[in-house]
Amino acid sequence: MELFPDDEMLEAFGILTPSLSERNAYFFDKWMEWRPLRMKIQQVKSKKIENNIKDTCKAIGLREFWDFQVRQGEVRFAQSDYMALFRIKWDSNG
């Protein structure tokens, strides 16, 4: 699965190759927009925890940046359904 699929890039930016600053601004805006749909997993910064979160999200078919974002032990989702699916999967893995 591509990280930045052509159809998503065209829909979001109107072009296939936006500048790095345009991409950063777009996904930061999404991060802020998704604040109500956030879960704090752990307060300690840990790459292992972030990787576990990403793996769990990808296992349920979510796409990084477009459906979820992870930063410093916090994960935010584009939709409440995504957060619910993540909670079920995360809680079942202990």
PDB file of N, CA and C in Angstrom:
ATOM      1  N   MET A   1       0.842  -1.177   0.000  1.00  0.00           N
ATOM      2  CA  MET A   1       0.000   0.000   0.000  1.00  0.00           C
ATOM      3  C   MET A   1       0.892   1.248   0.000  1.00  0.00           C
ATOM      4  N   GLU A   2       0.604   2.162  -0.891  1.00  0.00           N
ATOM      5  CA  GLU A   2       1.384   3.390  -1.003  1.00  0.00           C
ATOM      6  C   GLU A   2       1.093   4.337   0.156  1.00  0.00           C
ATOM      7  N   LEU A   3       2.112   5.038   0.587  1.00  0.00           N
ATOM      8  CA  LEU A   3       1.932   6.028   1.644  1.00  0.00           C
ATOM      9  C   LEU A   3       1.180   7.252   1.128  1.00  0.00           C
ATOM     10  N   PHE A   4       1.487   7.665  -0.097  1.00  0.00           N
ATOM     11  CA  PHE A   4       0.837   8.826  -0.705  1.00  0.00           C
ATOM     12  C   PHE A   4       0.257   8.443  -2.070  1.00  0.00           C
ATOM     13  N   PRO A   5      -0.904   7.768  -2.083  1.00  0.00           N
ATOM     14  CA  PRO A   5      -1.498   7.331  -3.347  1.00  0.00           C
ATOM     15  C   PRO A   5      -1.892   8.524  -4.229  1.00  0.00           C
ATOM     16  N   ASP A   6      -1.779   8.333  -5.526  1.00  0.00           N
ATOM     17  CA  ASP A   6      -2.058   9.405  -6.480  1.00  0.00           C
ATOM     18  C   ASP A   6      -3.451  10.004  -6.301  1.00  0.00           C
ATOM     19  N   ASP A   7      -4.467   9.153  -6.150  1.00  0.00           N
ATOM     20  CA  ASP A   7      -5.831   9.677  -6.041  1.00  0.00           C
ATOM     21  C   ASP A   7      -6.009  10.542  -4.795  1.00  0.00           C
ATOM     22  N   GLU A   8      -5.409  10.140  -3.690  1.00  0.00           N
ATOM     23  CA  GLU A   8      -5.494  10.932  -2.455  1.00  0.00           C
ATOM     24  C   GLU A   8      -4.735  12.249  -2.595  1.00  0.00           C
ATOM     25  N   MET A   9      -3.583  12.197  -3.235  1.00  0.00           N
ATOM     26  CA  MET A   9      -2.782  13.414  -3.425  1.00  0.00           C
ATOM     27  C   MET A   9      -3.520  14.411  -4.309  1.00  0.00           C
ATOM     28  N   LEU A  10      -4.114  13.918  -5.378  1.00  0.00           N
ATOM     29  CA  LEU A  10      -4.869  14.806  -6.265  1.00  0.00           C
ATOM     30  C   LEU A  10      -6.067  15.421  -5.550  1.00  0.00           C
ATOM     31  N   GLU A  11      -6.763  14.615  -4.764  1.00  0.00           N
ATOM     32  CA  GLU A  11      -7.923  15.125  -4.032  1.00  0.00           C
ATOM     33  C   GLU A  11      -7.511  16.161  -2.986  1.00  0.00           C
ATOM     34  N   ALA A  12      -6.430  15.889  -2.277  1.00  0.00           N
ATOM     35  CA  ALA A  12      -5.997  16.776  -1.193  1.00  0.00           C
ATOM     36  C   ALA A  12      -5.291  18.032  -1.696  1.00  0.00           C
ATOM     37  N   PHE A  13      -4.459  17.877  -2.723  1.00  0.00           N
ATOM     38  CA  PHE A  13      -3.586  18.973  -3.137  1.00  0.00           C
ATOM     39  C   PHE A  13      -3.839  19.486  -4.554  1.00  0.00           C
ATOM     40  N   GLY A  14      -4.520  18.688  -5.369  1.00  0.00           N
ATOM     41  CA  GLY A  14      -4.742  19.076  -6.756  1.00  0.00           C
ATOM     42  C   GLY A  14      -3.567  18.764  -7.668  1.00  0.00           C
ATOM     43  N   ILE A  15      -2.488  18.251  -7.095  1.00  0.00           N
ATOM     44  CA  ILE A  15      -1.298  17.844  -7.850  1.00  0.00           C
ATOM     45  C   ILE A  15      -0.730  16.578  -7.215  1.00  0.00           C
ATOM     46  N   LEU A  16       0.122  15.889  -7.957  1.00  0.00           N
ATOM     47  CA  LEU A  16       0.704  14.645  -7.442  1.00  0.00           C
ATOM     48  C   LEU A  16       1.887  14.875  -6.519  1.00  0.00           C
ATOM     49  N   THR A  17       2.602  15.967  -6.711  1.00  0.00           N
ATOM     50  CA  THR A  17       3.822  16.184  -5.936  1.00  0.00           C
ATOM     51  C   THR A  17       3.833  17.564  -5.275  1.00  0.00           C
ATOM     52  N   PRO A  18       3.063  17.725  -4.204  1.00  0.00           N
ATOM     53  CA  PRO A  18       3.114  18.997  -3.480  1.00  0.00           C
ATOM     54  C   PRO A  18       4.468  19.143  -2.787  1.00  0.00           C
ATOM     55  N   SER A  19       4.802  20.353  -2.430  1.00  0.00           N
ATOM     56  CA  SER A  19       6.066  20.574  -1.725  1.00  0.00           C
ATOM     57  C   SER A  19       5.994  19.955  -0.331  1.00  0.00           C
ATOM     58  N   LEU A  20       7.143  19.755   0.256  1.00  0.00           N
ATOM     59  CA  LEU A  20       7.211  19.207   1.605  1.00  0.00           C
ATOM     60  C   LEU A  20       6.460  20.105   2.586  1.00  0.00           C
ATOM     61  N   SER A  21       6.604  21.405   2.453  1.00  0.00           N
ATOM     62  CA  SER A  21       5.915  22.317   3.371  1.00  0.00           C
ATOM     63  C   SER A  21       4.399  22.260   3.181  1.00  0.00           C
ATOM     64  N   GLU A  22       3.925  22.061   1.957  1.00  0.00           N
ATOM     65  CA  GLU A  22       2.484  21.909   1.717  1.00  0.00           C
ATOM     66  C   GLU A  22       1.960  20.628   2.367  1.00  0.00           C
ATOM     67  N   ARG A  23       2.711  19.546   2.205  1.00  0.00           N
ATOM     68  CA  ARG A  23       2.310  18.271   2.837  1.00  0.00           C
ATOM     69  C   ARG A  23       2.304  18.393   4.347  1.00  0.00           C
ATOM     70  N   ASN A  24       3.364  18.976   4.898  1.00  0.00           N
ATOM     71  CA  ASN A  24       3.440  19.139   6.352  1.00  0.00           C
ATOM     72  C   ASN A  24       2.268  19.954   6.875  1.00  0.00           C
ATOM     73  N   ALA A  25       1.961  21.056   6.209  1.00  0.00           N
ATOM     74  CA  ALA A  25       0.855  21.912   6.644  1.00  0.00           C
ATOM     75  C   ALA A  25      -0.476  21.164   6.575  1.00  0.00           C
ATOM     76  N   TYR A  26      -0.692  20.414   5.504  1.00  0.00           N
ATOM     77  CA  TYR A  26      -1.942  19.676   5.329  1.00  0.00           C
ATOM     78  C   TYR A  26      -2.124  18.639   6.439  1.00  0.00           C
ATOM     79  N   PHE A  27      -1.102  17.839   6.675  1.00  0.00           N
ATOM     80  CA  PHE A  27      -1.238  16.777   7.668  1.00  0.00           C
ATOM     81  C   PHE A  27      -1.214  17.319   9.099  1.00  0.00           C
ATOM     82  N   PHE A  28      -0.559  18.441   9.323  1.00  0.00           N
ATOM     83  CA  PHE A  28      -0.647  19.076  10.641  1.00  0.00           C
ATOM     84  C   PHE A  28      -2.072  19.579  10.879  1.00  0.00           C
ATOM     85  N   ASP A  29      -2.687  20.154   9.859  1.00  0.00           N
ATOM     86  CA  ASP A  29      -4.084  20.587   9.987  1.00  0.00           C
ATOM     87  C   ASP A  29      -4.988  19.401  10.312  1.00  0.00           C
ATOM     88  N   LYS A  30      -4.730  18.260   9.679  1.00  0.00           N
ATOM     89  CA  LYS A  30      -5.510  17.051   9.979  1.00  0.00           C
ATOM     90  C   LYS A  30      -5.283  16.619  11.431  1.00  0.00           C
ATOM     91  N   TRP A  31      -4.039  16.654  11.880  1.00  0.00           N
ATOM     92  CA  TRP A  31      -3.713  16.310  13.265  1.00  0.00           C
ATOM     93  C   TRP A  31      -4.544  17.172  14.221  1.00  0.00           C
ATOM     94  N   MET A  32      -4.600  18.452  13.972  1.00  0.00           N
ATOM     95  CA  MET A  32      -5.357  19.357  14.837  1.00  0.00           C
ATOM     96  C   MET A  32      -6.865  19.101  14.720  1.00  0.00           C
ATOM     97  N   GLU A  33      -7.337  18.866  13.519  1.00  0.00           N
ATOM     98  CA  GLU A  33      -8.757  18.602  13.271  1.00  0.00           C
ATOM     99  C   GLU A  33      -9.218  17.326  13.979  1.00  0.00           C
ATOM    100  N   TRP A  34      -8.346  16.338  14.046  1.00  0.00           N
ATOM    101  CA  TRP A  34      -8.700  15.043  14.626  1.00  0.00           C
ATOM    102  C   TRP A  34      -8.534  14.999  16.143  1.00  0.00           C
ATOM    103  N   ARG A  35      -8.242  16.096  16.781  1.00  0.00           N
ATOM    104  CA  ARG A  35      -8.002  16.128  18.230  1.00  0.00           C
ATOM    105  C   ARG A  35      -9.123  15.465  19.048  1.00  0.00           C
ATOM    106  N   PRO A  36     -10.394  15.684  18.693  1.00  0.00           N
ATOM    107  CA  PRO A  36     -11.456  15.024  19.471  1.00  0.00           C
ATOM    108  C   PRO A  36     -11.425  13.495  19.393  1.00  0.00           C
ATOM    109  N   LEU A  37     -10.773  12.956  18.380  1.00  0.00           N
ATOM    110  CA  LEU A  37     -10.717  11.498  18.193  1.00  0.00           C
ATOM    111  C   LEU A  37      -9.319  10.986  18.522  1.00  0.00           C
ATOM    112  N   ARG A  38      -8.863  11.296  19.713  1.00  0.00           N
ATOM    113  CA  ARG A  38      -7.499  10.918  20.097  1.00  0.00           C
ATOM    114  C   ARG A  38      -7.514   9.927  21.249  1.00  0.00           C
ATOM    115  N   MET A  39      -6.446   9.162  21.313  1.00  0.00           N
ATOM    116  CA  MET A  39      -6.201   8.242  22.428  1.00  0.00           C
ATOM    117  C   MET A  39      -4.760   8.407  22.857  1.00  0.00           C
ATOM    118  N   LYS A  40      -4.561   8.583  24.138  1.00  0.00           N
ATOM    119  CA  LYS A  40      -3.206   8.593  24.679  1.00  0.00           C
ATOM    120  C   LYS A  40      -2.895   7.165  25.092  1.00  0.00           C
ATOM    121  N   ILE A  41      -1.837   6.638  24.531  1.00  0.00           N
ATOM    122  CA  ILE A  41      -1.461   5.253  24.811  1.00  0.00           C
ATOM    123  C   ILE A  41      -0.461   5.197  25.951  1.00  0.00           C
ATOM    124  N   GLN A  42       0.529   6.055  25.892  1.00  0.00           N
ATOM    125  CA  GLN A  42       1.560   6.056  26.918  1.00  0.00           C
ATOM    126  C   GLN A  42       2.219   7.427  26.913  1.00  0.00           C
ATOM    127  N   GLN A  43       2.524   7.950  28.091  1.00  0.00           N
ATOM    128  CA  GLN A  43       3.097   9.288  28.171  1.00  0.00           C
ATOM    129  C   GLN A  43       4.580   9.310  27.827  1.00  0.00           C
ATOM    130  N   VAL A  44       5.222   8.192  27.944  1.00  0.00           N
ATOM    131  CA  VAL A  44       6.652   8.123  27.655  1.00  0.00           C
ATOM    132  C   VAL A  44       6.853   7.989  26.147  1.00  0.00           C
ATOM    133  N   LYS A  45       7.773   8.787  25.613  1.00  0.00           N
ATOM    134  CA  LYS A  45       8.096   8.657  24.188  1.00  0.00           C
ATOM    135  C   LYS A  45       8.764   7.309  23.965  1.00  0.00           C
ATOM    136  N   SER A  46       8.255   6.567  23.016  1.00  0.00           N
ATOM    137  CA  SER A  46       8.845   5.265  22.735  1.00  0.00           C
ATOM    138  C   SER A  46       8.569   4.887  21.285  1.00  0.00           C
ATOM    139  N   LYS A  47       9.622   4.669  20.530  1.00  0.00           N
ATOM    140  CA  LYS A  47       9.466   4.242  19.141  1.00  0.00           C
ATOM    141  C   LYS A  47       8.779   2.881  19.069  1.00  0.00           C
ATOM    142  N   LYS A  48       9.055   2.019  20.053  1.00  0.00           N
ATOM    143  CA  LYS A  48       8.434   0.696  20.054  1.00  0.00           C
ATOM    144  C   LYS A  48       6.914   0.821  20.190  1.00  0.00           C
ATOM    145  N   ILE A  49       6.463   1.679  21.100  1.00  0.00           N
ATOM    146  CA  ILE A  49       5.022   1.892  21.273  1.00  0.00           C
ATOM    147  C   ILE A  49       4.428   2.470  19.992  1.00  0.00           C
ATOM    148  N   GLU A  50       5.093   3.477  19.414  1.00  0.00           N
ATOM    149  CA  GLU A  50       4.598   4.069  18.164  1.00  0.00           C
ATOM    150  C   GLU A  50       4.504   3.021  17.060  1.00  0.00           C
ATOM    151  N   ASN A  51       5.502   2.167  16.958  1.00  0.00           N
ATOM    152  CA  ASN A  51       5.474   1.109  15.940  1.00  0.00           C
ATOM    153  C   ASN A  51       4.350   0.115  16.203  1.00  0.00           C
ATOM    154  N   ASN A  52       4.104  -0.215  17.473  1.00  0.00           N
ATOM    155  CA  ASN A  52       2.995  -1.114  17.818  1.00  0.00           C
ATOM    156  C   ASN A  52       1.651  -0.495  17.441  1.00  0.00           C
ATOM    157  N   ILE A  53       1.511   0.813  17.691  1.00  0.00           N
ATOM    158  CA  ILE A  53       0.280   1.516  17.322  1.00  0.00           C
ATOM    159  C   ILE A  53       0.096   1.467  15.808  1.00  0.00           C
ATOM    160  N   LYS A  54       1.155   1.794  15.080  1.00  0.00           N
ATOM    161  CA  LYS A  54       1.084   1.790  13.610  1.00  0.00           C
ATOM    162  C   LYS A  54       0.752   0.401  13.082  1.00  0.00           C
ATOM    163  N   ASP A  55       1.391  -0.617  13.628  1.00  0.00           N
ATOM    164  CA  ASP A  55       1.129  -1.992  13.190  1.00  0.00           C
ATOM    165  C   ASP A  55      -0.324  -2.383  13.445  1.00  0.00           C
ATOM    166  N   THR A  56      -0.853  -2.000  14.606  1.00  0.00           N
ATOM    167  CA  THR A  56      -2.246  -2.306  14.941  1.00  0.00           C
ATOM    168  C   THR A  56      -3.195  -1.608  13.979  1.00  0.00           C
ATOM    169  N   CYS A  57      -2.937  -0.341  13.709  1.00  0.00           N
ATOM    170  CA  CYS A  57      -3.784   0.411  12.767  1.00  0.00           C
ATOM    171  C   CYS A  57      -3.735  -0.198  11.372  1.00  0.00           C
ATOM    172  N   LYS A  58      -2.549  -0.531  10.924  1.00  0.00           N
ATOM    173  CA  LYS A  58      -2.408  -1.104   9.581  1.00  0.00           C
ATOM    174  C   LYS A  58      -3.065  -2.481   9.501  1.00  0.00           C
ATOM    175  N   ALA A  59      -3.052  -3.229  10.603  1.00  0.00           N
ATOM    176  CA  ALA A  59      -3.670  -4.558  10.629  1.00  0.00           C
ATOM    177  C   ALA A  59      -5.184  -4.484  10.437  1.00  0.00           C
ATOM    178  N   ILE A  60      -5.788  -3.353  10.799  1.00  0.00           N
ATOM    179  CA  ILE A  60      -7.234  -3.204  10.599  1.00  0.00           C
ATOM    180  C   ILE A  60      -7.549  -2.399   9.335  1.00  0.00           C
ATOM    181  N   GLY A  61      -6.512  -2.204   8.502  1.00  0.00           N
ATOM    182  CA  GLY A  61      -6.715  -1.591   7.197  1.00  0.00           C
ATOM    183  C   GLY A  61      -6.635  -0.078   7.150  1.00  0.00           C
ATOM    184  N   LEU A  62      -6.137   0.543   8.216  1.00  0.00           N
ATOM    185  CA  LEU A  62      -6.022   2.001   8.225  1.00  0.00           C
ATOM    186  C   LEU A  62      -4.724   2.438   7.568  1.00  0.00           C
ATOM    187  N   ARG A  63      -4.762   3.623   6.963  1.00  0.00           N
ATOM    188  CA  ARG A  63      -3.607   4.166   6.257  1.00  0.00           C
ATOM    189  C   ARG A  63      -3.011   5.322   7.048  1.00  0.00           C
ATOM    190  N   GLU A  64      -1.708   5.230   7.273  1.00  0.00           N
ATOM    191  CA  GLU A  64      -1.025   6.280   8.025  1.00  0.00           C
ATOM    192  C   GLU A  64      -1.157   7.617   7.301  1.00  0.00           C
ATOM    193  N   PHE A  65      -1.349   8.659   8.048  1.00  0.00           N
ATOM    194  CA  PHE A  65      -1.558  10.047   7.624  1.00  0.00           C
ATOM    195  C   PHE A  65      -2.980  10.295   7.139  1.00  0.00           C
ATOM    196  N   TRP A  66      -3.561   9.394   6.370  1.00  0.00           N
ATOM    197  CA  TRP A  66      -4.894   9.607   5.809  1.00  0.00           C
ATOM    198  C   TRP A  66      -5.990   9.191   6.780  1.00  0.00           C
ATOM    199  N   ASP A  67      -5.781   8.120   7.535  1.00  0.00           N
ATOM    200  CA  ASP A  67      -6.791   7.602   8.463  1.00  0.00           C
ATOM    201  C   ASP A  67      -6.383   7.758   9.926  1.00  0.00           C
ATOM    202  N   PHE A  68      -5.102   7.815  10.179  1.00  0.00           N
ATOM    203  CA  PHE A  68      -4.601   7.974  11.543  1.00  0.00           C
ATOM    204  C   PHE A  68      -3.226   8.622  11.506  1.00  0.00           C
ATOM    205  N   GLN A  69      -2.854   9.205  12.657  1.00  0.00           N
ATOM    206  CA  GLN A  69      -1.508   9.741  12.838  1.00  0.00           C
ATOM    207  C   GLN A  69      -1.074   9.440  14.268  1.00  0.00           C
ATOM    208  N   VAL A  70       0.214   9.207  14.438  1.00  0.00           N
ATOM    209  CA  VAL A  70       0.774   8.883  15.748  1.00  0.00           C
ATOM    210  C   VAL A  70       1.898   9.854  16.066  1.00  0.00           C
ATOM    211  N   ARG A  71       1.869  10.376  17.286  1.00  0.00           N
ATOM    212  CA  ARG A  71       2.962  11.222  17.779  1.00  0.00           C
ATOM    213  C   ARG A  71       3.078  11.028  19.281  1.00  0.00           C
ATOM    214  N   GLN A  72       4.253  10.702  19.727  1.00  0.00           N
ATOM    215  CA  GLN A  72       4.605  10.642  21.145  1.00  0.00           C
ATOM    216  C   GLN A  72       3.561   9.935  22.010  1.00  0.00           C
ATOM    217  N   GLY A  73       3.193   8.735  21.601  1.00  0.00           N
ATOM    218  CA  GLY A  73       2.285   7.934  22.410  1.00  0.00           C
ATOM    219  C   GLY A  73       0.828   8.332  22.306  1.00  0.00           C
ATOM    220  N   GLU A  74       0.495   9.176  21.352  1.00  0.00           N
ATOM    221  CA  GLU A  74      -0.890   9.573  21.118  1.00  0.00           C
ATOM    222  C   GLU A  74      -1.240   9.228  19.684  1.00  0.00           C
ATOM    223  N   VAL A  75      -2.435   8.691  19.503  1.00  0.00           N
ATOM    224  CA  VAL A  75      -2.905   8.370  18.158  1.00  0.00           C
ATOM    225  C   VAL A  75      -4.218   9.113  17.935  1.00  0.00           C
ATOM    226  N   ARG A  76      -4.356   9.695  16.741  1.00  0.00           N
ATOM    227  CA  ARG A  76      -5.571  10.414  16.370  1.00  0.00           C
ATOM    228  C   ARG A  76      -6.122   9.809  15.088  1.00  0.00           C
ATOM    229  N   PHE A  77      -7.458   9.819  15.006  1.00  0.00           N
ATOM    230  CA  PHE A  77      -8.141   9.150  13.907  1.00  0.00           C
ATOM    231  C   PHE A  77      -9.014  10.110  13.116  1.00  0.00           C
ATOM    232  N   ALA A  78      -9.187   9.808  11.833  1.00  0.00           N
ATOM    233  CA  ALA A  78     -10.026  10.616  10.955  1.00  0.00           C
ATOM    234  C   ALA A  78     -11.511  10.402  11.249  1.00  0.00           C
ATOM    235  N   GLN A  79     -11.868   9.218  11.746  1.00  0.00           N
ATOM    236  CA  GLN A  79     -13.273   8.893  12.003  1.00  0.00           C
ATOM    237  C   GLN A  79     -13.404   8.136  13.317  1.00  0.00           C
ATOM    238  N   SER A  80     -14.552   8.305  13.953  1.00  0.00           N
ATOM    239  CA  SER A  80     -14.787   7.620  15.228  1.00  0.00           C
ATOM    240  C   SER A  80     -14.810   6.101  15.052  1.00  0.00           C
ATOM    241  N   ASP A  81     -15.264   5.625  13.895  1.00  0.00           N
ATOM    242  CA  ASP A  81     -15.269   4.178  13.632  1.00  0.00           C
ATOM    243  C   ASP A  81     -13.854   3.608  13.676  1.00  0.00           C
ATOM    244  N   TYR A  82     -12.913   4.354  13.130  1.00  0.00           N
ATOM    245  CA  TYR A  82     -11.521   3.910  13.132  1.00  0.00           C
ATOM    246  C   TYR A  82     -11.003   3.795  14.560  1.00  0.00           C
ATOM    247  N   MET A  83     -11.351   4.776  15.382  1.00  0.00           N
ATOM    248  CA  MET A  83     -10.907   4.750  16.771  1.00  0.00           C
ATOM    249  C   MET A  83     -11.520   3.556  17.505  1.00  0.00           C
ATOM    250  N   ALA A  84     -12.789   3.278  17.251  1.00  0.00           N
ATOM    251  CA  ALA A  84     -13.455   2.145  17.897  1.00  0.00           C
ATOM    252  C   ALA A  84     -12.796   0.822  17.502  1.00  0.00           C
ATOM    253  N   LEU A  85     -12.525   0.649  16.209  1.00  0.00           N
ATOM    254  CA  LEU A  85     -11.855  -0.574  15.753  1.00  0.00           C
ATOM    255  C   LEU A  85     -10.472  -0.710  16.379  1.00  0.00           C
ATOM    256  N   PHE A  86      -9.751   0.391  16.445  1.00  0.00           N
ATOM    257  CA  PHE A  86      -8.426   0.370  17.053  1.00  0.00           C
ATOM    258  C   PHE A  86      -8.517  -0.039  18.520  1.00  0.00           C
ATOM    259  N   ARG A  87      -9.458   0.563  19.258  1.00  0.00           N
ATOM    260  CA  ARG A  87      -9.612   0.231  20.687  1.00  0.00           C
ATOM    261  C   ARG A  87      -9.858  -1.261  20.893  1.00  0.00           C
ATOM    262  N   ILE A  88     -10.731  -1.818  20.082  1.00  0.00           N
ATOM    263  CA  ILE A  88     -11.038  -3.249  20.199  1.00  0.00           C
ATOM    264  C   ILE A  88      -9.781  -4.079  19.963  1.00  0.00           C
ATOM    265  N   LYS A  89      -9.080  -3.780  18.887  1.00  0.00           N
ATOM    266  CA  LYS A  89      -7.865  -4.543  18.544  1.00  0.00           C
ATOM    267  C   LYS A  89      -6.774  -4.325  19.591  1.00  0.00           C
ATOM    268  N   TRP A  90      -6.569  -3.067  20.008  1.00  0.00           N
ATOM    269  CA  TRP A  90      -5.511  -2.729  20.967  1.00  0.00           C
ATOM    270  C   TRP A  90      -5.782  -3.399  22.314  1.00  0.00           C
ATOM    271  N   ASP A  91      -7.035  -3.312  22.781  1.00  0.00           N
ATOM    272  CA  ASP A  91      -7.390  -3.902  24.074  1.00  0.00           C
ATOM    273  C   ASP A  91      -7.284  -5.423  24.048  1.00  0.00           C
ATOM    274  N   SER A  92      -7.590  -6.035  22.912  1.00  0.00           N
ATOM    275  CA  SER A  92      -7.519  -7.499  22.830  1.00  0.00           C
ATOM    276  C   SER A  92      -6.076  -7.998  22.796  1.00  0.00           C
ATOM    277  N   ASN A  93      -5.145  -7.101  22.421  1.00  0.00           N
ATOM    278  CA  ASN A  93      -3.729  -7.485  22.400  1.00  0.00           C
ATOM    279  C   ASN A  93      -3.033  -7.207  23.717  1.00  0.00           C
ATOM    280  N   GLY A  94      -3.764  -6.640  24.648  1.00  0.00           N
ATOM    281  CA  GLY A  94      -3.262  -6.494  25.993  1.00  0.00           C
ATOM    282  C   GLY A  94      -2.450  -5.330  26.315  1.00  0.00           C
TER     283      GLY A  94
END
